[in-house]
Amino acid sequence: MNYAMILNGLVIGVLQNQDEEPFWGPDQEGNSVRAVTCGSSVKLGMVYKDGKFFENIPSDPNIQELTGIQQLMQSLSSEVIRGIIAQEERRLLAQQLADIELILLGGNT
């Protein structure tokens, strides 16, 4: 019997001629992988929804799904940008406090 291994609605593996239902453990985030019987036309990357397999065709051909590495890079970029913004905000605040101190102590304006 053939089995499609399904993770979050996507076929991540196709096992052919299995005597028993295969078992794969959960992914790194703890999402379970389940085995579903399938025909020979099922391929990696297909969508499994409501008991049926579909080709994984994006609704907008200009939109590409991000790979795990791209998602990680995007996440890291966002963290770096937030860090730069926070650093600049602290610098501006320190400058404003120094300006206020000068005004209060009668220094140059």
PDB file of N, CA and C in Angstrom:
ATOM      1  N   MET A   1       0.846  -1.181   0.000  1.00  0.00           N
ATOM      2  CA  MET A   1       0.000   0.000   0.000  1.00  0.00           C
ATOM      3  C   MET A   1       0.891   1.244   0.000  1.00  0.00           C
ATOM      4  N   ASN A   2       0.462   2.302  -0.677  1.00  0.00           N
ATOM      5  CA  ASN A   2       1.201   3.558  -0.722  1.00  0.00           C
ATOM      6  C   ASN A   2       0.667   4.515   0.345  1.00  0.00           C
ATOM      7  N   TYR A   3       1.578   5.278   0.929  1.00  0.00           N
ATOM      8  CA  TYR A   3       1.203   6.255   1.955  1.00  0.00           C
ATOM      9  C   TYR A   3       1.831   7.605   1.647  1.00  0.00           C
ATOM     10  N   ALA A   4       1.036   8.650   1.878  1.00  0.00           N
ATOM     11  CA  ALA A   4       1.551  10.021   1.831  1.00  0.00           C
ATOM     12  C   ALA A   4       1.727  10.460   3.279  1.00  0.00           C
ATOM     13  N   MET A   5       2.865  11.055   3.568  1.00  0.00           N
ATOM     14  CA  MET A   5       3.122  11.575   4.907  1.00  0.00           C
ATOM     15  C   MET A   5       2.749  13.054   4.895  1.00  0.00           C
ATOM     16  N   ILE A   6       1.812  13.419   5.762  1.00  0.00           N
ATOM     17  CA  ILE A   6       1.210  14.744   5.743  1.00  0.00           C
ATOM     18  C   ILE A   6       1.647  15.544   6.965  1.00  0.00           C
ATOM     19  N   LEU A   7       2.116  16.767   6.719  1.00  0.00           N
ATOM     20  CA  LEU A   7       2.477  17.702   7.784  1.00  0.00           C
ATOM     21  C   LEU A   7       1.823  19.036   7.465  1.00  0.00           C
ATOM     22  N   ASN A   8       0.951  19.486   8.347  1.00  0.00           N
ATOM     23  CA  ASN A   8       0.245  20.764   8.160  1.00  0.00           C
ATOM     24  C   ASN A   8      -0.409  20.870   6.784  1.00  0.00           C
ATOM     25  N   GLY A   9      -1.006  19.782   6.331  1.00  0.00           N
ATOM     26  CA  GLY A   9      -1.738  19.794   5.071  1.00  0.00           C
ATOM     27  C   GLY A   9      -0.902  19.647   3.819  1.00  0.00           C
ATOM     28  N   LEU A  10       0.410  19.427   3.979  1.00  0.00           N
ATOM     29  CA  LEU A  10       1.283  19.255   2.817  1.00  0.00           C
ATOM     30  C   LEU A  10       1.895  17.862   2.801  1.00  0.00           C
ATOM     31  N   VAL A  11       2.055  17.301   1.617  1.00  0.00           N
ATOM     32  CA  VAL A  11       2.703  16.001   1.461  1.00  0.00           C
ATOM     33  C   VAL A  11       4.210  16.221   1.564  1.00  0.00           C
ATOM     34  N   ILE A  12       4.807  15.651   2.621  1.00  0.00           N
ATOM     35  CA  ILE A  12       6.255  15.806   2.807  1.00  0.00           C
ATOM     36  C   ILE A  12       7.008  14.513   2.527  1.00  0.00           C
ATOM     37  N   GLY A  13       6.274  13.465   2.238  1.00  0.00           N
ATOM     38  CA  GLY A  13       6.899  12.198   1.906  1.00  0.00           C
ATOM     39  C   GLY A  13       5.890  11.271   1.246  1.00  0.00           C
ATOM     40  N   VAL A  14       6.363  10.434   0.328  1.00  0.00           N
ATOM     41  CA  VAL A  14       5.513   9.431  -0.315  1.00  0.00           C
ATOM     42  C   VAL A  14       6.237   8.101  -0.201  1.00  0.00           C
ATOM     43  N   LEU A  15       5.605   7.148   0.468  1.00  0.00           N
ATOM     44  CA  LEU A  15       6.196   5.826   0.677  1.00  0.00           C
ATOM     45  C   LEU A  15       5.378   4.799  -0.086  1.00  0.00           C
ATOM     46  N   GLN A  16       6.022   4.048  -0.942  1.00  0.00           N
ATOM     47  CA  GLN A  16       5.320   3.085  -1.784  1.00  0.00           C
ATOM     48  C   GLN A  16       5.537   1.662  -1.286  1.00  0.00           C
ATOM     49  N   ASN A  17       4.542   0.821  -1.546  1.00  0.00           N
ATOM     50  CA  ASN A  17       4.595  -0.615  -1.254  1.00  0.00           C
ATOM     51  C   ASN A  17       4.938  -0.918   0.202  1.00  0.00           C
ATOM     52  N   GLN A  18       4.231  -0.277   1.108  1.00  0.00           N
ATOM     53  CA  GLN A  18       4.452  -0.490   2.545  1.00  0.00           C
ATOM     54  C   GLN A  18       3.543  -1.604   3.044  1.00  0.00           C
ATOM     55  N   ASP A  19       4.105  -2.508   3.854  1.00  0.00           N
ATOM     56  CA  ASP A  19       3.299  -3.585   4.434  1.00  0.00           C
ATOM     57  C   ASP A  19       2.484  -3.097   5.625  1.00  0.00           C
ATOM     58  N   GLU A  20       3.028  -2.087   6.323  1.00  0.00           N
ATOM     59  CA  GLU A  20       2.346  -1.533   7.496  1.00  0.00           C
ATOM     60  C   GLU A  20       2.282  -0.015   7.371  1.00  0.00           C
ATOM     61  N   GLU A  21       1.337   0.567   8.087  1.00  0.00           N
ATOM     62  CA  GLU A  21       1.240   2.032   8.085  1.00  0.00           C
ATOM     63  C   GLU A  21       2.483   2.615   8.736  1.00  0.00           C
ATOM     64  N   PRO A  22       3.190   3.504   8.052  1.00  0.00           N
ATOM     65  CA  PRO A  22       4.420   4.083   8.604  1.00  0.00           C
ATOM     66  C   PRO A  22       4.108   5.094   9.712  1.00  0.00           C
ATOM     67  N   PHE A  23       5.096   5.334  10.557  1.00  0.00           N
ATOM     68  CA  PHE A  23       4.974   6.342  11.612  1.00  0.00           C
ATOM     69  C   PHE A  23       6.190   7.242  11.563  1.00  0.00           C
ATOM     70  N   TRP A  24       5.947   8.534  11.457  1.00  0.00           N
ATOM     71  CA  TRP A  24       7.004   9.530  11.575  1.00  0.00           C
ATOM     72  C   TRP A  24       6.683  10.374  12.786  1.00  0.00           C
ATOM     73  N   GLY A  25       7.691  10.711  13.556  1.00  0.00           N
ATOM     74  CA  GLY A  25       7.501  11.552  14.728  1.00  0.00           C
ATOM     75  C   GLY A  25       7.165  12.987  14.328  1.00  0.00           C
ATOM     76  N   PRO A  26       6.861  13.829  15.308  1.00  0.00           N
ATOM     77  CA  PRO A  26       6.515  15.220  15.020  1.00  0.00           C
ATOM     78  C   PRO A  26       7.717  16.008  14.503  1.00  0.00           C
ATOM     79  N   ASP A  27       7.423  17.165  13.885  1.00  0.00           N
ATOM     80  CA  ASP A  27       8.501  18.033  13.418  1.00  0.00           C
ATOM     81  C   ASP A  27       9.106  18.784  14.600  1.00  0.00           C
ATOM     82  N   GLN A  28      10.039  19.686  14.342  1.00  0.00           N
ATOM     83  CA  GLN A  28      10.752  20.392  15.405  1.00  0.00           C
ATOM     84  C   GLN A  28       9.836  21.276  16.242  1.00  0.00           C
ATOM     85  N   GLU A  29       8.708  21.711  15.678  1.00  0.00           N
ATOM     86  CA  GLU A  29       7.762  22.535  16.425  1.00  0.00           C
ATOM     87  C   GLU A  29       6.702  21.693  17.139  1.00  0.00           C
ATOM     88  N   GLY A  30       6.778  20.386  16.987  1.00  0.00           N
ATOM     89  CA  GLY A  30       5.828  19.500  17.651  1.00  0.00           C
ATOM     90  C   GLY A  30       4.597  19.176  16.830  1.00  0.00           C
ATOM     91  N   ASN A  31       4.539  19.604  15.578  1.00  0.00           N
ATOM     92  CA  ASN A  31       3.398  19.290  14.716  1.00  0.00           C
ATOM     93  C   ASN A  31       3.474  17.829  14.288  1.00  0.00           C
ATOM     94  N   SER A  32       2.357  17.143  14.393  1.00  0.00           N
ATOM     95  CA  SER A  32       2.366  15.718  14.079  1.00  0.00           C
ATOM     96  C   SER A  32       2.362  15.476  12.571  1.00  0.00           C
ATOM     97  N   VAL A  33       3.002  14.377  12.187  1.00  0.00           N
ATOM     98  CA  VAL A  33       3.027  13.920  10.802  1.00  0.00           C
ATOM     99  C   VAL A  33       2.141  12.686  10.757  1.00  0.00           C
ATOM    100  N   ARG A  34       1.196  12.673   9.813  1.00  0.00           N
ATOM    101  CA  ARG A  34       0.322  11.502   9.745  1.00  0.00           C
ATOM    102  C   ARG A  34       0.413  10.813   8.396  1.00  0.00           C
ATOM    103  N   ALA A  35       0.178   9.525   8.417  1.00  0.00           N
ATOM    104  CA  ALA A  35       0.222   8.720   7.206  1.00  0.00           C
ATOM    105  C   ALA A  35      -1.192   8.581   6.652  1.00  0.00           C
ATOM    106  N   VAL A  36      -1.328   8.808   5.337  1.00  0.00           N
ATOM    107  CA  VAL A  36      -2.618   8.694   4.665  1.00  0.00           C
ATOM    108  C   VAL A  36      -2.408   7.822   3.431  1.00  0.00           C
ATOM    109  N   THR A  37      -3.287   6.854   3.233  1.00  0.00           N
ATOM    110  CA  THR A  37      -3.158   6.015   2.046  1.00  0.00           C
ATOM    111  C   THR A  37      -3.379   6.873   0.801  1.00  0.00           C
ATOM    112  N   CYS A  38      -2.653   6.535  -0.260  1.00  0.00           N
ATOM    113  CA  CYS A  38      -2.743   7.346  -1.474  1.00  0.00           C
ATOM    114  C   CYS A  38      -2.479   6.497  -2.702  1.00  0.00           C
ATOM    115  N   GLY A  39      -2.769   7.074  -3.846  1.00  0.00           N
ATOM    116  CA  GLY A  39      -2.503   6.427  -5.121  1.00  0.00           C
ATOM    117  C   GLY A  39      -1.113   6.781  -5.622  1.00  0.00           C
ATOM    118  N   SER A  40      -0.766   6.239  -6.775  1.00  0.00           N
ATOM    119  CA  SER A  40       0.573   6.452  -7.328  1.00  0.00           C
ATOM    120  C   SER A  40       0.761   7.847  -7.912  1.00  0.00           C
ATOM    121  N   SER A  41      -0.307   8.618  -8.069  1.00  0.00           N
ATOM    122  CA  SER A  41      -0.188   9.958  -8.653  1.00  0.00           C
ATOM    123  C   SER A  41       0.173  11.031  -7.625  1.00  0.00           C
ATOM    124  N   VAL A  42       0.175  10.687  -6.338  1.00  0.00           N
ATOM    125  CA  VAL A  42       0.493  11.664  -5.294  1.00  0.00           C
ATOM    126  C   VAL A  42       1.996  11.929  -5.286  1.00  0.00           C
ATOM    127  N   LYS A  43       2.351  13.238  -5.207  1.00  0.00           N
ATOM    128  CA  LYS A  43       3.756  13.650  -5.247  1.00  0.00           C
ATOM    129  C   LYS A  43       4.068  14.573  -4.075  1.00  0.00           C
ATOM    130  N   LEU A  44       5.352  14.710  -3.802  1.00  0.00           N
ATOM    131  CA  LEU A  44       5.801  15.643  -2.772  1.00  0.00           C
ATOM    132  C   LEU A  44       5.297  17.046  -3.076  1.00  0.00           C
ATOM    133  N   GLY A  45       4.918  17.771  -2.034  1.00  0.00           N
ATOM    134  CA  GLY A  45       4.488  19.151  -2.189  1.00  0.00           C
ATOM    135  C   GLY A  45       3.008  19.333  -2.458  1.00  0.00           C
ATOM    136  N   MET A  46       2.285  18.235  -2.675  1.00  0.00           N
ATOM    137  CA  MET A  46       0.845  18.365  -2.911  1.00  0.00           C
ATOM    138  C   MET A  46       0.162  18.771  -1.607  1.00  0.00           C
ATOM    139  N   VAL A  47      -1.030  19.320  -1.741  1.00  0.00           N
ATOM    140  CA  VAL A  47      -1.847  19.717  -0.590  1.00  0.00           C
ATOM    141  C   VAL A  47      -2.833  18.596  -0.300  1.00  0.00           C
ATOM    142  N   TYR A  48      -3.034  18.310   0.994  1.00  0.00           N
ATOM    143  CA  TYR A  48      -4.024  17.320   1.411  1.00  0.00           C
ATOM    144  C   TYR A  48      -5.072  18.053   2.234  1.00  0.00           C
ATOM    145  N   LYS A  49      -6.302  18.086   1.709  1.00  0.00           N
ATOM    146  CA  LYS A  49      -7.379  18.800   2.398  1.00  0.00           C
ATOM    147  C   LYS A  49      -8.694  18.066   2.199  1.00  0.00           C
ATOM    148  N   ASP A  50      -9.427  17.917   3.290  1.00  0.00           N
ATOM    149  CA  ASP A  50     -10.746  17.267   3.258  1.00  0.00           C
ATOM    150  C   ASP A  50     -10.705  15.900   2.588  1.00  0.00           C
ATOM    151  N   GLY A  51      -9.614  15.148   2.853  1.00  0.00           N
ATOM    152  CA  GLY A  51      -9.500  13.794   2.336  1.00  0.00           C
ATOM    153  C   GLY A  51      -9.090  13.686   0.880  1.00  0.00           C
ATOM    154  N   LYS A  52      -8.682  14.810   0.271  1.00  0.00           N
ATOM    155  CA  LYS A  52      -8.291  14.799  -1.141  1.00  0.00           C
ATOM    156  C   LYS A  52      -6.926  15.452  -1.319  1.00  0.00           C
ATOM    157  N   PHE A  53      -6.232  15.040  -2.386  1.00  0.00           N
ATOM    158  CA  PHE A  53      -4.922  15.594  -2.728  1.00  0.00           C
ATOM    159  C   PHE A  53      -5.075  16.594  -3.871  1.00  0.00           C
ATOM    160  N   PHE A  54      -4.372  17.719  -3.764  1.00  0.00           N
ATOM    161  CA  PHE A  54      -4.406  18.767  -4.782  1.00  0.00           C
ATOM    162  C   PHE A  54      -2.984  19.188  -5.108  1.00  0.00           C
ATOM    163  N   GLU A  55      -2.793  19.646  -6.352  1.00  0.00           N
ATOM    164  CA  GLU A  55      -1.506  20.235  -6.713  1.00  0.00           C
ATOM    165  C   GLU A  55      -1.340  21.505  -5.892  1.00  0.00           C
ATOM    166  N   ASN A  56      -0.140  21.778  -5.439  1.00  0.00           N
ATOM    167  CA  ASN A  56       0.133  22.965  -4.635  1.00  0.00           C
ATOM    168  C   ASN A  56       0.441  24.131  -5.561  1.00  0.00           C
ATOM    169  N   ILE A  57      -0.612  24.819  -6.048  1.00  0.00           N
ATOM    170  CA  ILE A  57      -0.460  25.931  -6.971  1.00  0.00           C
ATOM    171  C   ILE A  57      -0.823  27.211  -6.220  1.00  0.00           C
ATOM    172  N   PRO A  58       0.127  28.145  -6.074  1.00  0.00           N
ATOM    173  CA  PRO A  58      -0.194  29.402  -5.396  1.00  0.00           C
ATOM    174  C   PRO A  58      -1.290  30.151  -6.141  1.00  0.00           C
ATOM    175  N   SER A  59      -2.139  30.876  -5.402  1.00  0.00           N
ATOM    176  CA  SER A  59      -3.227  31.620  -6.023  1.00  0.00           C
ATOM    177  C   SER A  59      -2.698  32.776  -6.860  1.00  0.00           C
ATOM    178  N   ASP A  60      -1.553  33.333  -6.484  1.00  0.00           N
ATOM    179  CA  ASP A  60      -0.940  34.421  -7.237  1.00  0.00           C
ATOM    180  C   ASP A  60       0.440  33.949  -7.691  1.00  0.00           C
ATOM    181  N   PRO A  61       0.680  33.823  -8.987  1.00  0.00           N
ATOM    182  CA  PRO A  61       1.967  33.305  -9.448  1.00  0.00           C
ATOM    183  C   PRO A  61       3.143  34.201  -9.082  1.00  0.00           C
ATOM    184  N   ASN A  62       2.899  35.470  -8.735  1.00  0.00           N
ATOM    185  CA  ASN A  62       3.979  36.373  -8.351  1.00  0.00           C
ATOM    186  C   ASN A  62       4.396  36.188  -6.898  1.00  0.00           C
ATOM    187  N   ILE A  63       3.587  35.453  -6.133  1.00  0.00           N
ATOM    188  CA  ILE A  63       3.893  35.226  -4.724  1.00  0.00           C
ATOM    189  C   ILE A  63       4.590  33.880  -4.595  1.00  0.00           C
ATOM    190  N   GLN A  64       5.754  33.894  -3.955  1.00  0.00           N
ATOM    191  CA  GLN A  64       6.478  32.659  -3.727  1.00  0.00           C
ATOM    192  C   GLN A  64       6.504  32.401  -2.228  1.00  0.00           C
ATOM    193  N   GLU A  65       6.346  31.138  -1.860  1.00  0.00           N
ATOM    194  CA  GLU A  65       6.421  30.797  -0.448  1.00  0.00           C
ATOM    195  C   GLU A  65       7.867  30.911   0.016  1.00  0.00           C
ATOM    196  N   LEU A  66       8.034  31.379   1.247  1.00  0.00           N
ATOM    197  CA  LEU A  66       9.370  31.502   1.811  1.00  0.00           C
ATOM    198  C   LEU A  66       9.854  30.147   2.302  1.00  0.00           C
ATOM    199  N   THR A  67      11.099  29.848   2.030  1.00  0.00           N
ATOM    200  CA  THR A  67      11.687  28.635   2.571  1.00  0.00           C
ATOM    201  C   THR A  67      12.009  28.880   4.037  1.00  0.00           C
ATOM    202  N   GLY A  68      12.313  27.841   4.768  1.00  0.00           N
ATOM    203  CA  GLY A  68      12.678  27.975   6.176  1.00  0.00           C
ATOM    204  C   GLY A  68      13.857  28.910   6.375  1.00  0.00           C
ATOM    205  N   ILE A  69      14.854  28.830   5.489  1.00  0.00           N
ATOM    206  CA  ILE A  69      16.032  29.693   5.607  1.00  0.00           C
ATOM    207  C   ILE A  69      15.636  31.141   5.346  1.00  0.00           C
ATOM    208  N   GLN A  70      14.786  31.374   4.344  1.00  0.00           N
ATOM    209  CA  GLN A  70      14.346  32.737   4.054  1.00  0.00           C
ATOM    210  C   GLN A  70      13.557  33.309   5.235  1.00  0.00           C
ATOM    211  N   GLN A  71      12.709  32.483   5.852  1.00  0.00           N
ATOM    212  CA  GLN A  71      11.937  32.938   7.008  1.00  0.00           C
ATOM    213  C   GLN A  71      12.865  33.284   8.161  1.00  0.00           C
ATOM    214  N   LEU A  72      13.885  32.463   8.390  1.00  0.00           N
ATOM    215  CA  LEU A  72      14.849  32.732   9.456  1.00  0.00           C
ATOM    216  C   LEU A  72      15.596  34.027   9.179  1.00  0.00           C
ATOM    217  N   MET A  73      16.041  34.208   7.933  1.00  0.00           N
ATOM    218  CA  MET A  73      16.763  35.429   7.577  1.00  0.00           C
ATOM    219  C   MET A  73      15.875  36.654   7.749  1.00  0.00           C
ATOM    220  N   GLN A  74      14.610  36.544   7.349  1.00  0.00           N
ATOM    221  CA  GLN A  74      13.680  37.656   7.491  1.00  0.00           C
ATOM    222  C   GLN A  74      13.459  37.973   8.965  1.00  0.00           C
ATOM    223  N   SER A  75      13.328  36.944   9.778  1.00  0.00           N
ATOM    224  CA  SER A  75      13.141  37.132  11.213  1.00  0.00           C
ATOM    225  C   SER A  75      14.359  37.798  11.836  1.00  0.00           C
ATOM    226  N   LEU A  76      15.560  37.323  11.478  1.00  0.00           N
ATOM    227  CA  LEU A  76      16.789  37.917  12.005  1.00  0.00           C
ATOM    228  C   LEU A  76      16.937  39.357  11.545  1.00  0.00           C
ATOM    229  N   SER A  77      16.591  39.637  10.291  1.00  0.00           N
ATOM    230  CA  SER A  77      16.665  41.002   9.780  1.00  0.00           C
ATOM    231  C   SER A  77      15.762  41.916  10.586  1.00  0.00           C
ATOM    232  N   SER A  78      14.563  41.452  10.880  1.00  0.00           N
ATOM    233  CA  SER A  78      13.621  42.250  11.656  1.00  0.00           C
ATOM    234  C   SER A  78      14.175  42.523  13.047  1.00  0.00           C
ATOM    235  N   GLU A  79      14.798  41.522  13.662  1.00  0.00           N
ATOM    236  CA  GLU A  79      15.380  41.713  14.991  1.00  0.00           C
ATOM    237  C   GLU A  79      16.524  42.722  14.939  1.00  0.00           C
ATOM    238  N   VAL A  80      17.364  42.642  13.924  1.00  0.00           N
ATOM    239  CA  VAL A  80      18.480  43.576  13.783  1.00  0.00           C
ATOM    240  C   VAL A  80      17.953  44.992  13.597  1.00  0.00           C
ATOM    241  N   ILE A  81      16.947  45.151  12.745  1.00  0.00           N
ATOM    242  CA  ILE A  81      16.366  46.476  12.504  1.00  0.00           C
ATOM    243  C   ILE A  81      15.755  47.021  13.789  1.00  0.00           C
ATOM    244  N   ARG A  82      15.023  46.183  14.535  1.00  0.00           N
ATOM    245  CA  ARG A  82      14.447  46.641  15.811  1.00  0.00           C
ATOM    246  C   ARG A  82      15.545  47.067  16.771  1.00  0.00           C
ATOM    247  N   GLY A  83      16.663  46.341  16.790  1.00  0.00           N
ATOM    248  CA  GLY A  83      17.784  46.694  17.656  1.00  0.00           C
ATOM    249  C   GLY A  83      18.390  48.030  17.274  1.00  0.00           C
ATOM    250  N   ILE A  84      18.546  48.274  15.976  1.00  0.00           N
ATOM    251  CA  ILE A  84      19.101  49.541  15.497  1.00  0.00           C
ATOM    252  C   ILE A  84      18.175  50.696  15.859  1.00  0.00           C
ATOM    253  N   ILE A  85      16.873  50.494  15.680  1.00  0.00           N
ATOM    254  CA  ILE A  85      15.901  51.539  16.021  1.00  0.00           C
ATOM    255  C   ILE A  85      15.943  51.832  17.517  1.00  0.00           C
ATOM    256  N   ALA A  86      15.975  50.787  18.341  1.00  0.00           N
ATOM    257  CA  ALA A  86      16.027  50.978  19.792  1.00  0.00           C
ATOM    258  C   ALA A  86      17.303  51.719  20.191  1.00  0.00           C
ATOM    259  N   GLN A  87      18.425  51.383  19.581  1.00  0.00           N
ATOM    260  CA  GLN A  87      19.701  52.043  19.878  1.00  0.00           C
ATOM    261  C   GLN A  87      19.628  53.528  19.502  1.00  0.00           C
ATOM    262  N   GLU A  88      19.058  53.826  18.349  1.00  0.00           N
ATOM    263  CA  GLU A  88      18.932  55.218  17.907  1.00  0.00           C
ATOM    264  C   GLU A  88      17.983  55.988  18.820  1.00  0.00           C
ATOM    265  N   GLU A  89      16.901  55.339  19.268  1.00  0.00           N
ATOM    266  CA  GLU A  89      15.977  56.000  20.195  1.00  0.00           C
ATOM    267  C   GLU A  89      16.674  56.322  21.518  1.00  0.00           C
ATOM    268  N   ARG A  90      17.499  55.417  22.006  1.00  0.00           N
ATOM    269  CA  ARG A  90      18.240  55.671  23.250  1.00  0.00           C
ATOM    270  C   ARG A  90      19.228  56.819  23.067  1.00  0.00           C
ATOM    271  N   ARG A  91      19.891  56.864  21.906  1.00  0.00           N
ATOM    272  CA  ARG A  91      20.840  57.937  21.632  1.00  0.00           C
ATOM    273  C   ARG A  91      20.130  59.290  21.594  1.00  0.00           C
ATOM    274  N   LEU A  92      18.978  59.352  20.908  1.00  0.00           N
ATOM    275  CA  LEU A  92      18.221  60.599  20.828  1.00  0.00           C
ATOM    276  C   LEU A  92      17.717  61.036  22.202  1.00  0.00           C
ATOM    277  N   LEU A  93      17.257  60.078  23.002  1.00  0.00           N
ATOM    278  CA  LEU A  93      16.783  60.386  24.356  1.00  0.00           C
ATOM    279  C   LEU A  93      17.919  60.941  25.199  1.00  0.00           C
ATOM    280  N   ALA A  94      19.096  60.342  25.108  1.00  0.00           N
ATOM    281  CA  ALA A  94      20.253  60.830  25.863  1.00  0.00           C
ATOM    282  C   ALA A  94      20.607  62.247  25.434  1.00  0.00           C
ATOM    283  N   GLN A  95      20.534  62.534  24.145  1.00  0.00           N
ATOM    284  CA  GLN A  95      20.820  63.884  23.636  1.00  0.00           C
ATOM    285  C   GLN A  95      19.785  64.877  24.140  1.00  0.00           C
ATOM    286  N   GLN A  96      18.533  64.484  24.127  1.00  0.00           N
ATOM    287  CA  GLN A  96      17.473  65.369  24.620  1.00  0.00           C
ATOM    288  C   GLN A  96      17.656  65.655  26.107  1.00  0.00           C
ATOM    289  N   LEU A  97      18.009  64.653  26.886  1.00  0.00           N
ATOM    290  CA  LEU A  97      18.235  64.849  28.322  1.00  0.00           C
ATOM    291  C   LEU A  97      19.426  65.783  28.553  1.00  0.00           C
ATOM    292  N   ALA A  98      20.466  65.634  27.760  1.00  0.00           N
ATOM    293  CA  ALA A  98      21.627  66.515  27.876  1.00  0.00           C
ATOM    294  C   ALA A  98      21.244  67.948  27.529  1.00  0.00           C
ATOM    295  N   ASP A  99      20.415  68.146  26.504  1.00  0.00           N
ATOM    296  CA  ASP A  99      19.954  69.485  26.121  1.00  0.00           C
ATOM    297  C   ASP A  99      19.117  70.112  27.230  1.00  0.00           C
ATOM    298  N   ILE A 100      18.226  69.323  27.829  1.00  0.00           N
ATOM    299  CA  ILE A 100      17.399  69.829  28.928  1.00  0.00           C
ATOM    300  C   ILE A 100      18.264  70.214  30.115  1.00  0.00           C
ATOM    301  N   GLU A 101      19.244  69.388  30.414  1.00  0.00           N
ATOM    302  CA  GLU A 101      20.140  69.685  31.531  1.00  0.00           C
ATOM    303  C   GLU A 101      20.880  70.999  31.298  1.00  0.00           C
ATOM    304  N   LEU A 102      21.357  71.202  30.078  1.00  0.00           N
ATOM    305  CA  LEU A 102      22.046  72.462  29.752  1.00  0.00           C
ATOM    306  C   LEU A 102      21.129  73.661  29.945  1.00  0.00           C
ATOM    307  N   ILE A 103      19.880  73.531  29.493  1.00  0.00           N
ATOM    308  CA  ILE A 103      18.915  74.632  29.626  1.00  0.00           C
ATOM    309  C   ILE A 103      18.638  74.919  31.095  1.00  0.00           C
ATOM    310  N   LEU A 104      18.408  73.862  31.886  1.00  0.00           N
ATOM    311  CA  LEU A 104      18.097  74.036  33.296  1.00  0.00           C
ATOM    312  C   LEU A 104      19.265  74.597  34.088  1.00  0.00           C
ATOM    313  N   LEU A 105      20.484  74.253  33.702  1.00  0.00           N
ATOM    314  CA  LEU A 105      21.665  74.731  34.422  1.00  0.00           C
ATOM    315  C   LEU A 105      22.199  76.050  33.851  1.00  0.00           C
ATOM    316  N   GLY A 106      21.486  76.579  32.839  1.00  0.00           N
ATOM    317  CA  GLY A 106      21.869  77.873  32.293  1.00  0.00           C
ATOM    318  C   GLY A 106      23.011  77.808  31.311  1.00  0.00           C
ATOM    319  N   GLY A 107      23.218  76.659  30.710  1.00  0.00           N
ATOM    320  CA  GLY A 107      24.298  76.536  29.727  1.00  0.00           C
ATOM    321  C   GLY A 107      23.857  77.044  28.369  1.00  0.00           C
ATOM    322  N   ASN A 108      24.636  76.723  27.357  1.00  0.00           N
ATOM    323  CA  ASN A 108      24.328  77.148  25.998  1.00  0.00           C
ATOM    324  C   ASN A 108      23.061  76.473  25.500  1.00  0.00           C
ATOM    325  N   THR A 109      22.295  77.186  24.700  1.00  0.00           N
ATOM    326  CA  THR A 109      21.077  76.615  24.132  1.00  0.00           C
ATOM    327  C   THR A 109      21.256  76.287  22.688  1.00  0.00           C
TER     328      THR A 109
END
